[in-house]
Amino acid sequence: MHMLGLNVEDGIKQYLPLAGHVQISQAPERREPFYPSGEINYARVFDLLVELEYGGYIGLEYVPSDYENA
């Protein structure tokens, strides 16, 4: 959502009831969710998922910051 220019929190609130799972990585370079120079506040995202009582899976698909070909 973030990479499409959409508000992540609004998107979660709107689309979470339709989601089969949540997939995360840090923007803009698909790094670890808590990568220091990322643009997404994952502490807030996870708080929101708890607030909305999300009990499903969270998948991580990212390029590790220590990957030599990154």
PDB file of N, CA and C in Angstrom:
ATOM      1  N   MET A   1       0.816  -1.189   0.000  1.00  0.00           N
ATOM      2  CA  MET A   1       0.000   0.000   0.000  1.00  0.00           C
ATOM      3  C   MET A   1       0.865   1.260   0.000  1.00  0.00           C
ATOM      4  N   HIS A   2       1.894   1.247   0.834  1.00  0.00           N
ATOM      5  CA  HIS A   2       2.765   2.421   0.923  1.00  0.00           C
ATOM      6  C   HIS A   2       3.425   2.716  -0.424  1.00  0.00           C
ATOM      7  N   MET A   3       3.913   1.692  -1.075  1.00  0.00           N
ATOM      8  CA  MET A   3       4.618   1.889  -2.345  1.00  0.00           C
ATOM      9  C   MET A   3       3.670   2.344  -3.455  1.00  0.00           C
ATOM     10  N   LEU A   4       2.374   2.151  -3.264  1.00  0.00           N
ATOM     11  CA  LEU A   4       1.383   2.640  -4.222  1.00  0.00           C
ATOM     12  C   LEU A   4       0.917   4.047  -3.878  1.00  0.00           C
ATOM     13  N   GLY A   5       1.506   4.612  -2.822  1.00  0.00           N
ATOM     14  CA  GLY A   5       1.145   5.962  -2.420  1.00  0.00           C
ATOM     15  C   GLY A   5      -0.100   6.026  -1.549  1.00  0.00           C
ATOM     16  N   LEU A   6      -0.517   4.882  -1.020  1.00  0.00           N
ATOM     17  CA  LEU A   6      -1.712   4.838  -0.192  1.00  0.00           C
ATOM     18  C   LEU A   6      -1.336   4.940   1.283  1.00  0.00           C
ATOM     19  N   ASN A   7      -2.262   5.388   2.099  1.00  0.00           N
ATOM     20  CA  ASN A   7      -2.053   5.464   3.534  1.00  0.00           C
ATOM     21  C   ASN A   7      -2.193   4.064   4.116  1.00  0.00           C
ATOM     22  N   VAL A   8      -1.141   3.563   4.735  1.00  0.00           N
ATOM     23  CA  VAL A   8      -1.110   2.189   5.229  1.00  0.00           C
ATOM     24  C   VAL A   8      -2.165   1.957   6.304  1.00  0.00           C
ATOM     25  N   GLU A   9      -2.257   2.859   7.264  1.00  0.00           N
ATOM     26  CA  GLU A   9      -3.218   2.671   8.353  1.00  0.00           C
ATOM     27  C   GLU A   9      -4.657   2.667   7.833  1.00  0.00           C
ATOM     28  N   ASP A  10      -4.986   3.591   6.938  1.00  0.00           N
ATOM     29  CA  ASP A  10      -6.335   3.619   6.362  1.00  0.00           C
ATOM     30  C   ASP A  10      -6.606   2.350   5.566  1.00  0.00           C
ATOM     31  N   GLY A  11      -5.597   1.896   4.825  1.00  0.00           N
ATOM     32  CA  GLY A  11      -5.754   0.678   4.034  1.00  0.00           C
ATOM     33  C   GLY A  11      -5.976  -0.543   4.898  1.00  0.00           C
ATOM     34  N   ILE A  12      -5.254  -0.636   5.995  1.00  0.00           N
ATOM     35  CA  ILE A  12      -5.441  -1.764   6.907  1.00  0.00           C
ATOM     36  C   ILE A  12      -6.865  -1.753   7.449  1.00  0.00           C
ATOM     37  N   LYS A  13      -7.316  -0.593   7.894  1.00  0.00           N
ATOM     38  CA  LYS A  13      -8.674  -0.492   8.438  1.00  0.00           C
ATOM     39  C   LYS A  13      -9.727  -0.886   7.402  1.00  0.00           C
ATOM     40  N   GLN A  14      -9.505  -0.505   6.162  1.00  0.00           N
ATOM     41  CA  GLN A  14     -10.493  -0.774   5.113  1.00  0.00           C
ATOM     42  C   GLN A  14     -10.433  -2.210   4.611  1.00  0.00           C
ATOM     43  N   TYR A  15      -9.225  -2.745   4.407  1.00  0.00           N
ATOM     44  CA  TYR A  15      -9.099  -4.020   3.715  1.00  0.00           C
ATOM     45  C   TYR A  15      -8.807  -5.221   4.599  1.00  0.00           C
ATOM     46  N   LEU A  16      -8.481  -5.019   5.871  1.00  0.00           N
ATOM     47  CA  LEU A  16      -8.147  -6.148   6.736  1.00  0.00           C
ATOM     48  C   LEU A  16      -9.259  -7.203   6.796  1.00  0.00           C
ATOM     49  N   PRO A  17     -10.536  -6.806   6.834  1.00  0.00           N
ATOM     50  CA  PRO A  17     -11.583  -7.833   6.864  1.00  0.00           C
ATOM     51  C   PRO A  17     -11.586  -8.735   5.617  1.00  0.00           C
ATOM     52  N   LEU A  18     -10.989  -8.276   4.545  1.00  0.00           N
ATOM     53  CA  LEU A  18     -10.953  -9.045   3.298  1.00  0.00           C
ATOM     54  C   LEU A  18      -9.652  -9.813   3.102  1.00  0.00           C
ATOM     55  N   ALA A  19      -8.668  -9.556   3.961  1.00  0.00           N
ATOM     56  CA  ALA A  19      -7.321 -10.101   3.768  1.00  0.00           C
ATOM     57  C   ALA A  19      -7.218 -11.537   4.276  1.00  0.00           C
ATOM     58  N   GLY A  20      -6.512 -12.365   3.511  1.00  0.00           N
ATOM     59  CA  GLY A  20      -6.207 -13.713   3.952  1.00  0.00           C
ATOM     60  C   GLY A  20      -4.993 -13.743   4.855  1.00  0.00           C
ATOM     61  N   HIS A  21      -4.100 -12.781   4.665  1.00  0.00           N
ATOM     62  CA  HIS A  21      -2.912 -12.632   5.512  1.00  0.00           C
ATOM     63  C   HIS A  21      -2.349 -11.232   5.298  1.00  0.00           C
ATOM     64  N   VAL A  22      -1.382 -10.864   6.124  1.00  0.00           N
ATOM     65  CA  VAL A  22      -0.709  -9.569   6.014  1.00  0.00           C
ATOM     66  C   VAL A  22       0.735  -9.835   5.610  1.00  0.00           C
ATOM     67  N   GLN A  23       1.208  -9.165   4.595  1.00  0.00           N
ATOM     68  CA  GLN A  23       2.586  -9.322   4.098  1.00  0.00           C
ATOM     69  C   GLN A  23       3.331  -8.014   4.322  1.00  0.00           C
ATOM     70  N   ILE A  24       4.529  -8.090   4.924  1.00  0.00           N
ATOM     71  CA  ILE A  24       5.235  -6.855   5.244  1.00  0.00           C
ATOM     72  C   ILE A  24       6.695  -6.886   4.818  1.00  0.00           C
ATOM     73  N   SER A  25       7.207  -5.712   4.557  1.00  0.00           N
ATOM     74  CA  SER A  25       8.640  -5.427   4.384  1.00  0.00           C
ATOM     75  C   SER A  25       8.771  -3.907   4.469  1.00  0.00           C
ATOM     76  N   GLN A  26       9.965  -3.438   4.680  1.00  0.00           N
ATOM     77  CA  GLN A  26      10.170  -1.998   4.855  1.00  0.00           C
ATOM     78  C   GLN A  26      10.329  -1.310   3.506  1.00  0.00           C
ATOM     79  N   ALA A  27       9.750  -0.151   3.374  1.00  0.00           N
ATOM     80  CA  ALA A  27       9.856   0.643   2.154  1.00  0.00           C
ATOM     81  C   ALA A  27      11.010   1.634   2.310  1.00  0.00           C
ATOM     82  N   PRO A  28      11.661   2.000   1.260  1.00  0.00           N
ATOM     83  CA  PRO A  28      11.353   1.661  -0.120  1.00  0.00           C
ATOM     84  C   PRO A  28      12.135   0.462  -0.674  1.00  0.00           C
ATOM     85  N   GLU A  29      13.045  -0.099   0.060  1.00  0.00           N
ATOM     86  CA  GLU A  29      13.928  -1.116  -0.515  1.00  0.00           C
ATOM     87  C   GLU A  29      13.618  -2.549  -0.096  1.00  0.00           C
ATOM     88  N   ARG A  30      12.423  -2.800   0.426  1.00  0.00           N
ATOM     89  CA  ARG A  30      12.013  -4.147   0.857  1.00  0.00           C
ATOM     90  C   ARG A  30      12.973  -4.746   1.878  1.00  0.00           C
ATOM     91  N   ARG A  31      13.357  -3.977   2.863  1.00  0.00           N
ATOM     92  CA  ARG A  31      14.252  -4.435   3.934  1.00  0.00           C
ATOM     93  C   ARG A  31      13.429  -4.991   5.105  1.00  0.00           C
ATOM     94  N   GLU A  32      14.148  -5.377   6.176  1.00  0.00           N
ATOM     95  CA  GLU A  32      13.496  -5.848   7.385  1.00  0.00           C
ATOM     96  C   GLU A  32      12.509  -4.788   7.878  1.00  0.00           C
ATOM     97  N   PRO A  33      11.395  -5.197   8.488  1.00  0.00           N
ATOM     98  CA  PRO A  33      10.390  -4.223   8.922  1.00  0.00           C
ATOM     99  C   PRO A  33      10.934  -3.116   9.819  1.00  0.00           C
ATOM    100  N   PHE A  34      11.930  -3.407  10.655  1.00  0.00           N
ATOM    101  CA  PHE A  34      12.443  -2.374  11.554  1.00  0.00           C
ATOM    102  C   PHE A  34      13.790  -1.823  11.084  1.00  0.00           C
ATOM    103  N   TYR A  35      14.033  -1.883   9.775  1.00  0.00           N
ATOM    104  CA  TYR A  35      15.246  -1.309   9.192  1.00  0.00           C
ATOM    105  C   TYR A  35      15.257   0.191   9.499  1.00  0.00           C
ATOM    106  N   PRO A  36      16.378   0.701  10.004  1.00  0.00           N
ATOM    107  CA  PRO A  36      16.422   2.081  10.529  1.00  0.00           C
ATOM    108  C   PRO A  36      15.984   3.185   9.569  1.00  0.00           C
ATOM    109  N   SER A  37      16.256   3.045   8.293  1.00  0.00           N
ATOM    110  CA  SER A  37      15.923   4.151   7.389  1.00  0.00           C
ATOM    111  C   SER A  37      14.607   3.923   6.646  1.00  0.00           C
ATOM    112  N   GLY A  38      13.767   3.060   7.168  1.00  0.00           N
ATOM    113  CA  GLY A  38      12.505   2.760   6.499  1.00  0.00           C
ATOM    114  C   GLY A  38      11.463   3.855   6.672  1.00  0.00           C
ATOM    115  N   GLU A  39      10.471   3.793   5.829  1.00  0.00           N
ATOM    116  CA  GLU A  39       9.432   4.816   5.790  1.00  0.00           C
ATOM    117  C   GLU A  39       8.152   4.409   6.513  1.00  0.00           C
ATOM    118  N   ILE A  40       8.009   3.142   6.883  1.00  0.00           N
ATOM    119  CA  ILE A  40       6.783   2.658   7.503  1.00  0.00           C
ATOM    120  C   ILE A  40       7.005   2.469   9.004  1.00  0.00           C
ATOM    121  N   ASN A  41       6.089   2.983   9.792  1.00  0.00           N
ATOM    122  CA  ASN A  41       6.152   2.847  11.246  1.00  0.00           C
ATOM    123  C   ASN A  41       5.490   1.523  11.634  1.00  0.00           C
ATOM    124  N   TYR A  42       6.297   0.455  11.691  1.00  0.00           N
ATOM    125  CA  TYR A  42       5.725  -0.854  11.971  1.00  0.00           C
ATOM    126  C   TYR A  42       5.289  -1.020  13.414  1.00  0.00           C
ATOM    127  N   ALA A  43       5.826  -0.266  14.336  1.00  0.00           N
ATOM    128  CA  ALA A  43       5.312  -0.316  15.705  1.00  0.00           C
ATOM    129  C   ALA A  43       3.837   0.085  15.685  1.00  0.00           C
ATOM    130  N   ARG A  44       3.519   1.137  14.939  1.00  0.00           N
ATOM    131  CA  ARG A  44       2.127   1.583  14.816  1.00  0.00           C
ATOM    132  C   ARG A  44       1.288   0.568  14.043  1.00  0.00           C
ATOM    133  N   VAL A  45       1.843  -0.012  12.988  1.00  0.00           N
ATOM    134  CA  VAL A  45       1.105  -1.010  12.204  1.00  0.00           C
ATOM    135  C   VAL A  45       0.736  -2.198  13.091  1.00  0.00           C
ATOM    136  N   PHE A  46       1.692  -2.701  13.869  1.00  0.00           N
ATOM    137  CA  PHE A  46       1.407  -3.846  14.729  1.00  0.00           C
ATOM    138  C   PHE A  46       0.414  -3.474  15.834  1.00  0.00           C
ATOM    139  N   ASP A  47       0.533  -2.263  16.386  1.00  0.00           N
ATOM    140  CA  ASP A  47      -0.455  -1.805  17.372  1.00  0.00           C
ATOM    141  C   ASP A  47      -1.851  -1.775  16.755  1.00  0.00           C
ATOM    142  N   LEU A  48      -1.942  -1.317  15.516  1.00  0.00           N
ATOM    143  CA  LEU A  48      -3.227  -1.257  14.832  1.00  0.00           C
ATOM    144  C   LEU A  48      -3.792  -2.652  14.601  1.00  0.00           C
ATOM    145  N   LEU A  49      -2.946  -3.602  14.231  1.00  0.00           N
ATOM    146  CA  LEU A  49      -3.415  -4.974  14.027  1.00  0.00           C
ATOM    147  C   LEU A  49      -3.953  -5.568  15.330  1.00  0.00           C
ATOM    148  N   VAL A  50      -3.298  -5.263  16.432  1.00  0.00           N
ATOM    149  CA  VAL A  50      -3.784  -5.709  17.742  1.00  0.00           C
ATOM    150  C   VAL A  50      -5.122  -5.030  18.055  1.00  0.00           C
ATOM    151  N   GLU A  51      -5.169  -3.723  17.833  1.00  0.00           N
ATOM    152  CA  GLU A  51      -6.384  -2.947  18.089  1.00  0.00           C
ATOM    153  C   GLU A  51      -7.574  -3.490  17.303  1.00  0.00           C
ATOM    154  N   LEU A  52      -7.317  -3.916  16.074  1.00  0.00           N
ATOM    155  CA  LEU A  52      -8.375  -4.450  15.212  1.00  0.00           C
ATOM    156  C   LEU A  52      -8.606  -5.947  15.432  1.00  0.00           C
ATOM    157  N   GLU A  53      -7.890  -6.506  16.416  1.00  0.00           N
ATOM    158  CA  GLU A  53      -8.010  -7.913  16.801  1.00  0.00           C
ATOM    159  C   GLU A  53      -7.696  -8.870  15.664  1.00  0.00           C
ATOM    160  N   TYR A  54      -6.683  -8.512  14.875  1.00  0.00           N
ATOM    161  CA  TYR A  54      -6.236  -9.388  13.792  1.00  0.00           C
ATOM    162  C   TYR A  54      -5.554 -10.617  14.400  1.00  0.00           C
ATOM    163  N   GLY A  55      -6.001 -11.795  14.013  1.00  0.00           N
ATOM    164  CA  GLY A  55      -5.447 -13.028  14.546  1.00  0.00           C
ATOM    165  C   GLY A  55      -4.859 -13.928  13.482  1.00  0.00           C
ATOM    166  N   GLY A  56      -4.654 -13.369  12.292  1.00  0.00           N
ATOM    167  CA  GLY A  56      -4.152 -14.175  11.189  1.00  0.00           C
ATOM    168  C   GLY A  56      -2.641 -14.159  11.096  1.00  0.00           C
ATOM    169  N   TYR A  57      -2.172 -14.629   9.958  1.00  0.00           N
ATOM    170  CA  TYR A  57      -0.737 -14.728   9.713  1.00  0.00           C
ATOM    171  C   TYR A  57      -0.153 -13.403   9.243  1.00  0.00           C
ATOM    172  N   ILE A  58       1.117 -13.195   9.579  1.00  0.00           N
ATOM    173  CA  ILE A  58       1.894 -12.071   9.067  1.00  0.00           C
ATOM    174  C   ILE A  58       3.106 -12.667   8.381  1.00  0.00           C
ATOM    175  N   GLY A  59       3.220 -12.445   7.080  1.00  0.00           N
ATOM    176  CA  GLY A  59       4.347 -12.950   6.316  1.00  0.00           C
ATOM    177  C   GLY A  59       5.377 -11.864   6.090  1.00  0.00           C
ATOM    178  N   LEU A  60       6.647 -12.263   6.130  1.00  0.00           N
ATOM    179  CA  LEU A  60       7.730 -11.321   5.879  1.00  0.00           C
ATOM    180  C   LEU A  60       8.432 -11.733   4.591  1.00  0.00           C
ATOM    181  N   GLU A  61       8.470 -10.831   3.639  1.00  0.00           N
ATOM    182  CA  GLU A  61       9.173 -11.074   2.381  1.00  0.00           C
ATOM    183  C   GLU A  61      10.047  -9.857   2.132  1.00  0.00           C
ATOM    184  N   TYR A  62      11.329  -9.984   2.467  1.00  0.00           N
ATOM    185  CA  TYR A  62      12.220  -8.842   2.367  1.00  0.00           C
ATOM    186  C   TYR A  62      13.617  -9.275   1.968  1.00  0.00           C
ATOM    187  N   VAL A  63      14.419  -8.315   1.572  1.00  0.00           N
ATOM    188  CA  VAL A  63      15.827  -8.532   1.262  1.00  0.00           C
ATOM    189  C   VAL A  63      16.622  -8.177   2.516  1.00  0.00           C
ATOM    190  N   PRO A  64      17.316  -9.140   3.130  1.00  0.00           N
ATOM    191  CA  PRO A  64      18.082  -8.827   4.338  1.00  0.00           C
ATOM    192  C   PRO A  64      19.099  -7.721   4.074  1.00  0.00           C
ATOM    193  N   SER A  65      19.238  -6.818   5.026  1.00  0.00           N
ATOM    194  CA  SER A  65      20.151  -5.688   4.851  1.00  0.00           C
ATOM    195  C   SER A  65      21.600  -6.119   4.743  1.00  0.00           C
ATOM    196  N   ASP A  66      21.911  -7.299   5.215  1.00  0.00           N
ATOM    197  CA  ASP A  66      23.298  -7.780   5.118  1.00  0.00           C
ATOM    198  C   ASP A  66      23.518  -8.699   3.919  1.00  0.00           C
ATOM    199  N   TYR A  67      22.535  -8.788   3.024  1.00  0.00           N
ATOM    200  CA  TYR A  67      22.663  -9.605   1.832  1.00  0.00           C
ATOM    201  C   TYR A  67      23.667  -8.943   0.892  1.00  0.00           C
ATOM    202  N   GLU A  68      24.684  -9.657   0.468  1.00  0.00           N
ATOM    203  CA  GLU A  68      25.792  -9.050  -0.262  1.00  0.00           C
ATOM    204  C   GLU A  68      25.440  -8.539  -1.649  1.00  0.00           C
ATOM    205  N   ASN A  69      24.374  -9.017  -2.252  1.00  0.00           N
ATOM    206  CA  ASN A  69      23.995  -8.564  -3.599  1.00  0.00           C
ATOM    207  C   ASN A  69      22.872  -7.525  -3.578  1.00  0.00           C
ATOM    208  N   ALA A  70      22.602  -6.984  -2.415  1.00  0.00           N
ATOM    209  CA  ALA A  70      21.488  -6.027  -2.302  1.00  0.00           C
ATOM    210  C   ALA A  70      21.807  -4.725  -2.990  1.00  0.00           C
TER     211      ALA A  70
END
